[in-house]
All heavy atoms as atom14 arrays in JSON, in Angstrom:
{
  "sequence": "QQHLPTIRDEGRIYSATGDGRVPFIDADDIGASA",
  "atom14_mask": [
    [1, 1, 1, 1, 1, 1, 1, 1, 1, 0, 0, 0, 0, 0],
    [1, 1, 1, 1, 1, 1, 1, 1, 1, 0, 0, 0, 0, 0],
    [1, 1, 1, 1, 1, 1, 1, 1, 1, 1, 0, 0, 0, 0],
    [1, 1, 1, 1, 1, 1, 1, 1, 0, 0, 0, 0, 0, 0],
    [1, 1, 1, 1, 1, 1, 1, 0, 0, 0, 0, 0, 0, 0],
    [1, 1, 1, 1, 1, 1, 1, 0, 0, 0, 0, 0, 0, 0],
    [1, 1, 1, 1, 1, 1, 1, 1, 0, 0, 0, 0, 0, 0],
    [1, 1, 1, 1, 1, 1, 1, 1, 1, 1, 1, 0, 0, 0],
    [1, 1, 1, 1, 1, 1, 1, 1, 0, 0, 0, 0, 0, 0],
    [1, 1, 1, 1, 1, 1, 1, 1, 1, 0, 0, 0, 0, 0],
    [1, 1, 1, 1, 0, 0, 0, 0, 0, 0, 0, 0, 0, 0],
    [1, 1, 1, 1, 1, 1, 1, 1, 1, 1, 1, 0, 0, 0],
    [1, 1, 1, 1, 1, 1, 1, 1, 0, 0, 0, 0, 0, 0],
    [1, 1, 1, 1, 1, 1, 1, 1, 1, 1, 1, 1, 0, 0],
    [1, 1, 1, 1, 1, 1, 0, 0, 0, 0, 0, 0, 0, 0],
    [1, 1, 1, 1, 1, 0, 0, 0, 0, 0, 0, 0, 0, 0],
    [1, 1, 1, 1, 1, 1, 1, 0, 0, 0, 0, 0, 0, 0],
    [1, 1, 1, 1, 0, 0, 0, 0, 0, 0, 0, 0, 0, 0],
    [1, 1, 1, 1, 1, 1, 1, 1, 0, 0, 0, 0, 0, 0],
    [1, 1, 1, 1, 0, 0, 0, 0, 0, 0, 0, 0, 0, 0],
    [1, 1, 1, 1, 1, 1, 1, 1, 1, 1, 1, 0, 0, 0],
    [1, 1, 1, 1, 1, 1, 1, 0, 0, 0, 0, 0, 0, 0],
    [1, 1, 1, 1, 1, 1, 1, 0, 0, 0, 0, 0, 0, 0],
    [1, 1, 1, 1, 1, 1, 1, 1, 1, 1, 1, 0, 0, 0],
    [1, 1, 1, 1, 1, 1, 1, 1, 0, 0, 0, 0, 0, 0],
    [1, 1, 1, 1, 1, 1, 1, 1, 0, 0, 0, 0, 0, 0],
    [1, 1, 1, 1, 1, 0, 0, 0, 0, 0, 0, 0, 0, 0],
    [1, 1, 1, 1, 1, 1, 1, 1, 0, 0, 0, 0, 0, 0],
    [1, 1, 1, 1, 1, 1, 1, 1, 0, 0, 0, 0, 0, 0],
    [1, 1, 1, 1, 1, 1, 1, 1, 0, 0, 0, 0, 0, 0],
    [1, 1, 1, 1, 0, 0, 0, 0, 0, 0, 0, 0, 0, 0],
    [1, 1, 1, 1, 1, 0, 0, 0, 0, 0, 0, 0, 0, 0],
    [1, 1, 1, 1, 1, 1, 0, 0, 0, 0, 0, 0, 0, 0],
    [1, 1, 1, 1, 1, 0, 0, 0, 0, 0, 0, 0, 0, 0]
  ],
  "atom14_positions": [
    [[-5.01, -6.56, -1.57], [-4.23, -7.46, -0.67], [-4.28, -7.07, 0.78], [-5.32, -6.69, 1.29], [-2.81, -7.57, -1.2], [-2.7, -8.38, -2.44], [-1.23, -8.66, -2.79], [-0.47, -7.77, -3.02], [-0.89, -9.94, -2.81], [0.0, 0.0, 0.0], [0.0, 0.0, 0.0], [0.0, 0.0, 0.0], [0.0, 0.0, 0.0], [0.0, 0.0, 0.0]],
    [[-3.14, -7.12, 1.42], [-3.04, -7.09, 2.87], [-3.67, -5.88, 3.58], [-4.13, -6.01, 4.68], [-1.6, -7.29, 3.36], [-0.61, -6.18, 3.02], [0.12, -6.37, 1.74], [-0.33, -7.06, 0.82], [1.3, -5.78, 1.64], [0.0, 0.0, 0.0], [0.0, 0.0, 0.0], [0.0, 0.0, 0.0], [0.0, 0.0, 0.0], [0.0, 0.0, 0.0]],
    [[-3.65, -4.72, 2.96], [-4.19, -3.54, 3.61], [-5.71, -3.44, 3.49], [-6.32, -2.69, 4.31], [-3.53, -2.27, 3.12], [-2.06, -2.19, 3.44], [-1.56, -2.24, 4.72], [-0.99, -2.05, 2.63], [-0.25, -2.14, 4.7], [0.14, -2.06, 3.44], [0.0, 0.0, 0.0], [0.0, 0.0, 0.0], [0.0, 0.0, 0.0], [0.0, 0.0, 0.0]],
    [[-6.31, -4.05, 2.54], [-7.76, -3.94, 2.33], [-8.57, -4.26, 3.55], [-9.43, -3.46, 3.95], [-8.17, -4.79, 1.12], [-9.68, -4.76, 0.8], [-10.14, -3.35, 0.49], [-9.96, -5.7, -0.37], [0.0, 0.0, 0.0], [0.0, 0.0, 0.0], [0.0, 0.0, 0.0], [0.0, 0.0, 0.0], [0.0, 0.0, 0.0], [0.0, 0.0, 0.0]],
    [[-8.35, -5.4, 4.22], [-9.22, -5.73, 5.39], [-9.11, -4.69, 6.53], [-10.14, -4.3, 7.1], [-8.72, -7.08, 5.86], [-8.05, -7.67, 4.69], [-7.46, -6.52, 3.92], [0.0, 0.0, 0.0], [0.0, 0.0, 0.0], [0.0, 0.0, 0.0], [0.0, 0.0, 0.0], [0.0, 0.0, 0.0], [0.0, 0.0, 0.0], [0.0, 0.0, 0.0]],
    [[-7.9, -4.19, 6.79], [-7.78, -3.25, 7.91], [-8.31, -1.87, 7.52], [-8.86, -1.15, 8.39], [-6.3, -3.12, 8.4], [-5.47, -2.71, 7.35], [-5.84, -4.43, 8.98], [0.0, 0.0, 0.0], [0.0, 0.0, 0.0], [0.0, 0.0, 0.0], [0.0, 0.0, 0.0], [0.0, 0.0, 0.0], [0.0, 0.0, 0.0], [0.0, 0.0, 0.0]],
    [[-8.19, -1.48, 6.25], [-8.81, -0.24, 5.8], [-10.3, -0.32, 5.92], [-10.98, 0.54, 6.47], [-8.4, 0.11, 4.36], [-6.89, 0.44, 4.28], [-9.23, 1.24, 3.81], [-6.35, 0.57, 2.89], [0.0, 0.0, 0.0], [0.0, 0.0, 0.0], [0.0, 0.0, 0.0], [0.0, 0.0, 0.0], [0.0, 0.0, 0.0], [0.0, 0.0, 0.0]],
    [[-10.88, -1.44, 5.41], [-12.31, -1.62, 5.39], [-12.87, -1.78, 6.83], [-13.87, -1.15, 7.19], [-12.65, -2.86, 4.55], [-14.15, -3.15, 4.43], [-14.42, -4.49, 3.75], [-13.76, -5.56, 4.51], [-12.93, -6.46, 3.94], [-12.69, -6.43, 2.65], [-12.36, -7.37, 4.63], [0.0, 0.0, 0.0], [0.0, 0.0, 0.0], [0.0, 0.0, 0.0]],
    [[-12.22, -2.61, 7.63], [-12.77, -2.96, 8.94], [-12.4, -2.05, 10.07], [-13.14, -1.89, 11.04], [-12.38, -4.41, 9.31], [-12.79, -5.44, 8.28], [-13.72, -5.1, 7.48], [-12.19, -6.54, 8.24], [0.0, 0.0, 0.0], [0.0, 0.0, 0.0], [0.0, 0.0, 0.0], [0.0, 0.0, 0.0], [0.0, 0.0, 0.0], [0.0, 0.0, 0.0]],
    [[-11.22, -1.41, 9.96], [-10.74, -0.6, 11.09], [-10.45, 0.84, 10.71], [-10.16, 1.68, 11.57], [-9.43, -1.21, 11.64], [-9.55, -2.61, 12.14], [-8.23, -3.19, 12.57], [-7.37, -2.44, 13.11], [-8.01, -4.4, 12.33], [0.0, 0.0, 0.0], [0.0, 0.0, 0.0], [0.0, 0.0, 0.0], [0.0, 0.0, 0.0], [0.0, 0.0, 0.0]],
    [[-10.43, 1.13, 9.39], [-10.06, 2.47, 8.96], [-8.62, 2.76, 9.23], [-8.21, 3.9, 9.43], [0.0, 0.0, 0.0], [0.0, 0.0, 0.0], [0.0, 0.0, 0.0], [0.0, 0.0, 0.0], [0.0, 0.0, 0.0], [0.0, 0.0, 0.0], [0.0, 0.0, 0.0], [0.0, 0.0, 0.0], [0.0, 0.0, 0.0], [0.0, 0.0, 0.0]],
    [[-7.75, 1.72, 9.22], [-6.32, 1.88, 9.52], [-5.45, 1.12, 8.48], [-5.88, 0.18, 7.86], [-6.01, 1.31, 10.89], [-6.66, 2.0, 12.02], [-6.26, 1.34, 13.34], [-6.89, 1.99, 14.45], [-6.34, 2.99, 15.16], [-5.15, 3.43, 14.86], [-6.99, 3.51, 16.15], [0.0, 0.0, 0.0], [0.0, 0.0, 0.0], [0.0, 0.0, 0.0]],
    [[-4.23, 1.64, 8.4], [-3.18, 0.98, 7.61], [-2.02, 0.69, 8.52], [-1.52, 1.6, 9.18], [-2.73, 1.89, 6.41], [-3.88, 2.19, 5.47], [-1.54, 1.22, 5.7], [-3.52, 3.24, 4.45], [0.0, 0.0, 0.0], [0.0, 0.0, 0.0], [0.0, 0.0, 0.0], [0.0, 0.0, 0.0], [0.0, 0.0, 0.0], [0.0, 0.0, 0.0]],
    [[-1.62, -0.54, 8.57], [-0.47, -0.97, 9.4], [0.71, -1.18, 8.51], [0.63, -1.88, 7.48], [-0.79, -2.22, 10.19], [-1.93, -2.04, 11.18], [-3.23, -2.44, 10.85], [-1.73, -1.45, 12.43], [-4.28, -2.25, 11.74], [-2.75, -1.27, 13.31], [-4.04, -1.67, 12.97], [-5.07, -1.48, 13.85], [0.0, 0.0, 0.0], [0.0, 0.0, 0.0]],
    [[1.84, -0.65, 8.92], [3.04, -0.77, 8.1], [4.31, -0.73, 9.0], [4.27, -0.18, 10.1], [3.11, 0.46, 7.14], [4.36, 0.52, 6.49], [0.0, 0.0, 0.0], [0.0, 0.0, 0.0], [0.0, 0.0, 0.0], [0.0, 0.0, 0.0], [0.0, 0.0, 0.0], [0.0, 0.0, 0.0], [0.0, 0.0, 0.0], [0.0, 0.0, 0.0]],
    [[5.36, -1.31, 8.51], [6.65, -1.32, 9.23], [7.45, -0.07, 8.95], [8.6, 0.0, 9.34], [7.45, -2.56, 8.87], [0.0, 0.0, 0.0], [0.0, 0.0, 0.0], [0.0, 0.0, 0.0], [0.0, 0.0, 0.0], [0.0, 0.0, 0.0], [0.0, 0.0, 0.0], [0.0, 0.0, 0.0], [0.0, 0.0, 0.0], [0.0, 0.0, 0.0]],
    [[6.88, 0.93, 8.29], [7.66, 2.1, 7.91], [7.74, 3.16, 9.0], [8.5, 4.12, 8.85], [7.03, 2.77, 6.65], [5.67, 3.13, 6.92], [7.07, 1.81, 5.47], [0.0, 0.0, 0.0], [0.0, 0.0, 0.0], [0.0, 0.0, 0.0], [0.0, 0.0, 0.0], [0.0, 0.0, 0.0], [0.0, 0.0, 0.0], [0.0, 0.0, 0.0]],
    [[7.0, 3.0, 10.07], [7.02, 4.01, 11.14], [6.64, 5.34, 10.59], [5.62, 5.49, 9.88], [0.0, 0.0, 0.0], [0.0, 0.0, 0.0], [0.0, 0.0, 0.0], [0.0, 0.0, 0.0], [0.0, 0.0, 0.0], [0.0, 0.0, 0.0], [0.0, 0.0, 0.0], [0.0, 0.0, 0.0], [0.0, 0.0, 0.0], [0.0, 0.0, 0.0]],
    [[7.4, 6.38, 10.86], [7.13, 7.71, 10.34], [7.77, 7.94, 8.96], [7.68, 9.05, 8.45], [7.67, 8.77, 11.33], [6.9, 8.77, 12.64], [5.69, 8.41, 12.61], [7.46, 9.15, 13.65], [0.0, 0.0, 0.0], [0.0, 0.0, 0.0], [0.0, 0.0, 0.0], [0.0, 0.0, 0.0], [0.0, 0.0, 0.0], [0.0, 0.0, 0.0]],
    [[8.44, 6.92, 8.46], [9.09, 7.06, 7.15], [8.07, 7.16, 6.05], [6.91, 6.78, 6.18], [0.0, 0.0, 0.0], [0.0, 0.0, 0.0], [0.0, 0.0, 0.0], [0.0, 0.0, 0.0], [0.0, 0.0, 0.0], [0.0, 0.0, 0.0], [0.0, 0.0, 0.0], [0.0, 0.0, 0.0], [0.0, 0.0, 0.0], [0.0, 0.0, 0.0]],
    [[8.52, 7.65, 4.93], [7.67, 7.76, 3.73], [8.13, 6.74, 2.71], [9.32, 6.69, 2.39], [7.74, 9.16, 3.18], [7.19, 10.16, 4.12], [7.28, 11.57, 3.54], [6.81, 12.49, 4.56], [6.36, 13.68, 4.28], [6.4, 14.12, 3.05], [5.96, 14.48, 5.24], [0.0, 0.0, 0.0], [0.0, 0.0, 0.0], [0.0, 0.0, 0.0]],
    [[7.2, 5.96, 2.25], [7.49, 4.9, 1.27], [6.55, 5.12, 0.1], [5.32, 5.19, 0.27], [7.29, 3.49, 1.9], [7.51, 2.45, 0.84], [8.18, 3.3, 3.09], [0.0, 0.0, 0.0], [0.0, 0.0, 0.0], [0.0, 0.0, 0.0], [0.0, 0.0, 0.0], [0.0, 0.0, 0.0], [0.0, 0.0, 0.0], [0.0, 0.0, 0.0]],
    [[7.1, 5.23, -1.11], [6.24, 5.41, -2.27], [5.53, 4.09, -2.67], [6.11, 3.02, -2.48], [7.2, 5.83, -3.37], [8.57, 5.29, -2.97], [8.52, 5.23, -1.46], [0.0, 0.0, 0.0], [0.0, 0.0, 0.0], [0.0, 0.0, 0.0], [0.0, 0.0, 0.0], [0.0, 0.0, 0.0], [0.0, 0.0, 0.0], [0.0, 0.0, 0.0]],
    [[4.37, 4.22, -3.14], [3.62, 3.1, -3.7], [3.46, 3.34, -5.19], [3.24, 4.47, -5.61], [2.26, 2.96, -3.03], [2.27, 2.42, -1.61], [2.74, 3.19, -0.59], [1.9, 1.14, -1.36], [2.79, 2.7, 0.72], [1.95, 0.61, -0.08], [2.41, 1.41, 0.97], [0.0, 0.0, 0.0], [0.0, 0.0, 0.0], [0.0, 0.0, 0.0]],
    [[3.54, 2.26, -5.98], [3.41, 2.38, -7.4], [2.27, 1.48, -7.91], [2.07, 0.37, -7.35], [4.74, 2.03, -8.13], [4.63, 2.28, -9.62], [5.18, 0.63, -7.82], [5.97, 2.26, -10.35], [0.0, 0.0, 0.0], [0.0, 0.0, 0.0], [0.0, 0.0, 0.0], [0.0, 0.0, 0.0], [0.0, 0.0, 0.0], [0.0, 0.0, 0.0]],
    [[1.59, 1.93, -8.9], [0.48, 1.13, -9.42], [1.04, 0.02, -10.3], [1.99, 0.23, -11.09], [-0.42, 2.04, -10.29], [-1.69, 1.35, -10.69], [-1.65, 0.52, -11.61], [-2.73, 1.64, -10.05], [0.0, 0.0, 0.0], [0.0, 0.0, 0.0], [0.0, 0.0, 0.0], [0.0, 0.0, 0.0], [0.0, 0.0, 0.0], [0.0, 0.0, 0.0]],
    [[0.49, -1.2, -10.17], [0.98, -2.35, -10.92], [0.79, -2.12, -12.43], [1.54, -2.7, -13.22], [0.24, -3.6, -10.48], [0.0, 0.0, 0.0], [0.0, 0.0, 0.0], [0.0, 0.0, 0.0], [0.0, 0.0, 0.0], [0.0, 0.0, 0.0], [0.0, 0.0, 0.0], [0.0, 0.0, 0.0], [0.0, 0.0, 0.0], [0.0, 0.0, 0.0]],
    [[-0.18, -1.29, -12.83], [-0.3, -0.96, -14.27], [0.94, -0.21, -14.77], [1.37, -0.4, -15.89], [-1.56, -0.13, -14.53], [-2.8, -0.96, -14.48], [-2.85, -2.04, -15.09], [-3.77, -0.54, -13.77], [0.0, 0.0, 0.0], [0.0, 0.0, 0.0], [0.0, 0.0, 0.0], [0.0, 0.0, 0.0], [0.0, 0.0, 0.0], [0.0, 0.0, 0.0]],
    [[1.49, 0.65, -13.94], [2.71, 1.39, -14.32], [3.9, 0.45, -14.36], [4.76, 0.63, -15.25], [2.98, 2.54, -13.33], [1.92, 3.63, -13.46], [1.3, 3.76, -14.52], [1.68, 4.35, -12.45], [0.0, 0.0, 0.0], [0.0, 0.0, 0.0], [0.0, 0.0, 0.0], [0.0, 0.0, 0.0], [0.0, 0.0, 0.0], [0.0, 0.0, 0.0]],
    [[3.98, -0.52, -13.48], [5.03, -1.51, -13.53], [4.9, -2.3, -14.85], [5.91, -2.54, -15.53], [4.99, -2.44, -12.33], [5.28, -1.64, -11.03], [6.01, -3.57, -12.45], [4.94, -2.4, -9.75], [0.0, 0.0, 0.0], [0.0, 0.0, 0.0], [0.0, 0.0, 0.0], [0.0, 0.0, 0.0], [0.0, 0.0, 0.0], [0.0, 0.0, 0.0]],
    [[3.69, -2.69, -15.15], [3.45, -3.39, -16.41], [3.83, -2.58, -17.64], [4.46, -3.11, -18.55], [0.0, 0.0, 0.0], [0.0, 0.0, 0.0], [0.0, 0.0, 0.0], [0.0, 0.0, 0.0], [0.0, 0.0, 0.0], [0.0, 0.0, 0.0], [0.0, 0.0, 0.0], [0.0, 0.0, 0.0], [0.0, 0.0, 0.0], [0.0, 0.0, 0.0]],
    [[3.52, -1.3, -17.62], [3.9, -0.44, -18.76], [5.41, -0.35, -18.87], [5.95, -0.36, -20.0], [3.29, 0.95, -18.6], [0.0, 0.0, 0.0], [0.0, 0.0, 0.0], [0.0, 0.0, 0.0], [0.0, 0.0, 0.0], [0.0, 0.0, 0.0], [0.0, 0.0, 0.0], [0.0, 0.0, 0.0], [0.0, 0.0, 0.0], [0.0, 0.0, 0.0]],
    [[6.08, -0.26, -17.75], [7.55, -0.2, -17.77], [8.11, -1.51, -18.31], [8.99, -1.52, -19.13], [8.12, 0.07, -16.37], [7.73, 1.37, -15.96], [0.0, 0.0, 0.0], [0.0, 0.0, 0.0], [0.0, 0.0, 0.0], [0.0, 0.0, 0.0], [0.0, 0.0, 0.0], [0.0, 0.0, 0.0], [0.0, 0.0, 0.0], [0.0, 0.0, 0.0]],
    [[7.59, -2.63, -17.84], [8.07, -3.94, -18.28], [7.84, -4.1, -19.77], [8.71, -4.63, -20.49], [7.4, -5.06, -17.51], [0.0, 0.0, 0.0], [0.0, 0.0, 0.0], [0.0, 0.0, 0.0], [0.0, 0.0, 0.0], [0.0, 0.0, 0.0], [0.0, 0.0, 0.0], [0.0, 0.0, 0.0], [0.0, 0.0, 0.0], [0.0, 0.0, 0.0]]
  ]
}
């Protein structure tokens, strides 16, 4: 999704988190939980 083009084209990730740390979870793990 949204980060793929900027990672591929610019080598960057843009986020509204600033210096904060935000965990990312794999959708397969969400599926396993569900």
